[in-house]
Each structure stands twice: as C-alpha cells, then as structure tokens.
Amino acid sequence: SKNPSLKVQDEAPVPPPSLPQVKPMEQRGWWCCW
C-alpha cells in the first residue's frame, strides 16, 4: 500500500450498473410524475 490514493479508490463503493446514468434526483421526479 504505497499509494494511499489507490487504497481510497479501492475502498470507495462502486455504483451499481443497474442505473449508471439515472440519478437519484431524476428518479424521484420520475416517481413523482407517476
């Protein structure tokens, strides 16, 4: 672990591929419309 930045990236959670482009705010608006 010589590079702390790399470690941080590894620890950072990766977003699910289910909705990579869909944002939580946009989803809320969509649900509101429904």
PDB file of N, CA and C in Angstrom:
ATOM      1  N   SER A   1       0.866  -1.201   0.000  1.00  0.00           N
ATOM      2  CA  SER A   1       0.000   0.000   0.000  1.00  0.00           C
ATOM      3  C   SER A   1       0.895   1.241   0.000  1.00  0.00           C
ATOM      4  N   LYS A   2       1.591   1.422  -1.098  1.00  0.00           N
ATOM      5  CA  LYS A   2       2.479   2.595  -1.188  1.00  0.00           C
ATOM      6  C   LYS A   2       1.694   3.829  -1.609  1.00  0.00           C
ATOM      7  N   ASN A   3       0.635   3.611  -2.396  1.00  0.00           N
ATOM      8  CA  ASN A   3      -0.167   4.759  -2.869  1.00  0.00           C
ATOM      9  C   ASN A   3      -1.480   4.842  -2.078  1.00  0.00           C
ATOM     10  N   PRO A   4      -1.604   5.814  -1.187  1.00  0.00           N
ATOM     11  CA  PRO A   4      -2.842   5.947  -0.390  1.00  0.00           C
ATOM     12  C   PRO A   4      -4.044   6.273  -1.280  1.00  0.00           C
ATOM     13  N   SER A   5      -3.801   7.047  -2.341  1.00  0.00           N
ATOM     14  CA  SER A   5      -4.918   7.413  -3.232  1.00  0.00           C
ATOM     15  C   SER A   5      -5.539   6.145  -3.823  1.00  0.00           C
ATOM     16  N   LEU A   6      -4.706   5.200  -4.235  1.00  0.00           N
ATOM     17  CA  LEU A   6      -5.229   3.956  -4.824  1.00  0.00           C
ATOM     18  C   LEU A   6      -6.058   3.212  -3.785  1.00  0.00           C
ATOM     19  N   LYS A   7      -5.563   3.193  -2.559  1.00  0.00           N
ATOM     20  CA  LYS A   7      -6.289   2.494  -1.497  1.00  0.00           C
ATOM     21  C   LYS A   7      -7.673   3.129  -1.325  1.00  0.00           C
ATOM     22  N   VAL A   8      -7.716   4.439  -1.307  1.00  0.00           N
ATOM     23  CA  VAL A   8      -9.005   5.121  -1.137  1.00  0.00           C
ATOM     24  C   VAL A   8      -9.953   4.727  -2.269  1.00  0.00           C
ATOM     25  N   GLN A   9      -9.447   4.693  -3.489  1.00  0.00           N
ATOM     26  CA  GLN A   9     -10.287   4.333  -4.637  1.00  0.00           C
ATOM     27  C   GLN A   9     -10.817   2.907  -4.456  1.00  0.00           C
ATOM     28  N   ASP A  10      -9.950   2.015  -4.015  1.00  0.00           N
ATOM     29  CA  ASP A  10     -10.386   0.625  -3.820  1.00  0.00           C
ATOM     30  C   ASP A  10     -11.492   0.566  -2.767  1.00  0.00           C
ATOM     31  N   GLU A  11     -11.316   1.353  -1.694  1.00  0.00           N
ATOM     32  CA  GLU A  11     -12.309   1.330  -0.614  1.00  0.00           C
ATOM     33  C   GLU A  11     -13.621   1.976  -1.050  1.00  0.00           C
ATOM     34  N   ALA A  12     -13.518   2.967  -1.916  1.00  0.00           N
ATOM     35  CA  ALA A  12     -14.742   3.663  -2.351  1.00  0.00           C
ATOM     36  C   ALA A  12     -15.704   2.666  -2.998  1.00  0.00           C
ATOM     37  N   PRO A  13     -17.005   2.745  -2.647  1.00  0.00           N
ATOM     38  CA  PRO A  13     -18.001   1.833  -3.217  1.00  0.00           C
ATOM     39  C   PRO A  13     -18.290   2.172  -4.672  1.00  0.00           C
ATOM     40  N   VAL A  14     -18.481   1.135  -5.475  1.00  0.00           N
ATOM     41  CA  VAL A  14     -18.758   1.367  -6.907  1.00  0.00           C
ATOM     42  C   VAL A  14     -20.270   1.380  -7.144  1.00  0.00           C
ATOM     43  N   PRO A  15     -20.779   2.359  -7.890  1.00  0.00           N
ATOM     44  CA  PRO A  15     -22.223   2.417  -8.154  1.00  0.00           C
ATOM     45  C   PRO A  15     -22.687   1.203  -8.952  1.00  0.00           C
ATOM     46  N   PRO A  16     -23.890   0.714  -8.706  1.00  0.00           N
ATOM     47  CA  PRO A  16     -24.398  -0.458  -9.415  1.00  0.00           C
ATOM     48  C   PRO A  16     -24.632  -0.149 -10.886  1.00  0.00           C
ATOM     49  N   PRO A  17     -24.412  -1.134 -11.754  1.00  0.00           N
ATOM     50  CA  PRO A  17     -24.603  -0.940 -13.199  1.00  0.00           C
ATOM     51  C   PRO A  17     -26.087  -0.879 -13.574  1.00  0.00           C
ATOM     52  N   SER A  18     -26.953  -1.135 -12.606  1.00  0.00           N
ATOM     53  CA  SER A  18     -28.395  -1.122 -12.900  1.00  0.00           C
ATOM     54  C   SER A  18     -28.794   0.241 -13.465  1.00  0.00           C
ATOM     55  N   LEU A  19     -28.339   1.328 -12.813  1.00  0.00           N
ATOM     56  CA  LEU A  19     -28.699   2.672 -13.290  1.00  0.00           C
ATOM     57  C   LEU A  19     -27.485   3.587 -13.174  1.00  0.00           C
ATOM     58  N   PRO A  20     -26.561   3.482 -14.141  1.00  0.00           N
ATOM     59  CA  PRO A  20     -25.347   4.301 -14.100  1.00  0.00           C
ATOM     60  C   PRO A  20     -25.636   5.757 -14.441  1.00  0.00           C
ATOM     61  N   GLN A  21     -26.513   5.990 -15.413  1.00  0.00           N
ATOM     62  CA  GLN A  21     -26.812   7.356 -15.845  1.00  0.00           C
ATOM     63  C   GLN A  21     -27.964   7.947 -15.022  1.00  0.00           C
ATOM     64  N   VAL A  22     -28.871   7.085 -14.568  1.00  0.00           N
ATOM     65  CA  VAL A  22     -30.036   7.579 -13.812  1.00  0.00           C
ATOM     66  C   VAL A  22     -29.576   8.124 -12.461  1.00  0.00           C
ATOM     67  N   LYS A  23     -30.005   9.340 -12.123  1.00  0.00           N
ATOM     68  CA  LYS A  23     -29.605   9.954 -10.840  1.00  0.00           C
ATOM     69  C   LYS A  23     -30.745   9.845  -9.835  1.00  0.00           C
ATOM     70  N   PRO A  24     -30.426   9.849  -8.544  1.00  0.00           N
ATOM     71  CA  PRO A  24     -31.479   9.733  -7.514  1.00  0.00           C
ATOM     72  C   PRO A  24     -32.503  10.861  -7.639  1.00  0.00           C
ATOM     73  N   MET A  25     -32.029  12.089  -7.907  1.00  0.00           N
ATOM     74  CA  MET A  25     -32.956  13.228  -8.031  1.00  0.00           C
ATOM     75  C   MET A  25     -33.886  12.996  -9.224  1.00  0.00           C
ATOM     76  N   GLU A  26     -33.304  12.584 -10.356  1.00  0.00           N
ATOM     77  CA  GLU A  26     -34.129  12.343 -11.549  1.00  0.00           C
ATOM     78  C   GLU A  26     -35.138  11.238 -11.274  1.00  0.00           C
ATOM     79  N   GLN A  27     -34.681  10.194 -10.585  1.00  0.00           N
ATOM     80  CA  GLN A  27     -35.592   9.084 -10.283  1.00  0.00           C
ATOM     81  C   GLN A  27     -36.769   9.591  -9.445  1.00  0.00           C
ATOM     82  N   ARG A  28     -36.472  10.447  -8.471  1.00  0.00           N
ATOM     83  CA  ARG A  28     -37.540  10.969  -7.597  1.00  0.00           C
ATOM     84  C   ARG A  28     -38.575  11.708  -8.444  1.00  0.00           C
ATOM     85  N   GLY A  29     -38.083  12.562  -9.361  1.00  0.00           N
ATOM     86  CA  GLY A  29     -39.006  13.314 -10.220  1.00  0.00           C
ATOM     87  C   GLY A  29     -39.872  12.349 -11.033  1.00  0.00           C
ATOM     88  N   TRP A  30     -39.207  11.308 -11.570  1.00  0.00           N
ATOM     89  CA  TRP A  30     -39.950  10.337 -12.386  1.00  0.00           C
ATOM     90  C   TRP A  30     -41.038   9.675 -11.544  1.00  0.00           C
ATOM     91  N   TRP A  31     -40.664   9.241 -10.336  1.00  0.00           N
ATOM     92  CA  TRP A  31     -41.644   8.598  -9.458  1.00  0.00           C
ATOM     93  C   TRP A  31     -42.782   9.566  -9.129  1.00  0.00           C
ATOM     94  N   CYS A  32     -42.401  10.849  -8.893  1.00  0.00           N
ATOM     95  CA  CYS A  32     -43.425  11.860  -8.565  1.00  0.00           C
ATOM     96  C   CYS A  32     -44.428  11.957  -9.724  1.00  0.00           C
ATOM     97  N   CYS A  33     -43.890  11.959 -10.926  1.00  0.00           N
ATOM     98  CA  CYS A  33     -44.778  12.048 -12.102  1.00  0.00           C
ATOM     99  C   CYS A  33     -45.764  10.880 -12.084  1.00  0.00           C
ATOM    100  N   TRP A  34     -45.262   9.709 -11.767  1.00  0.00           N
ATOM    101  CA  TRP A  34     -46.145   8.539 -11.741  1.00  0.00           C
ATOM    102  C   TRP A  34     -47.145   8.687 -10.603  1.00  0.00           C
TER     103      TRP A  34
END
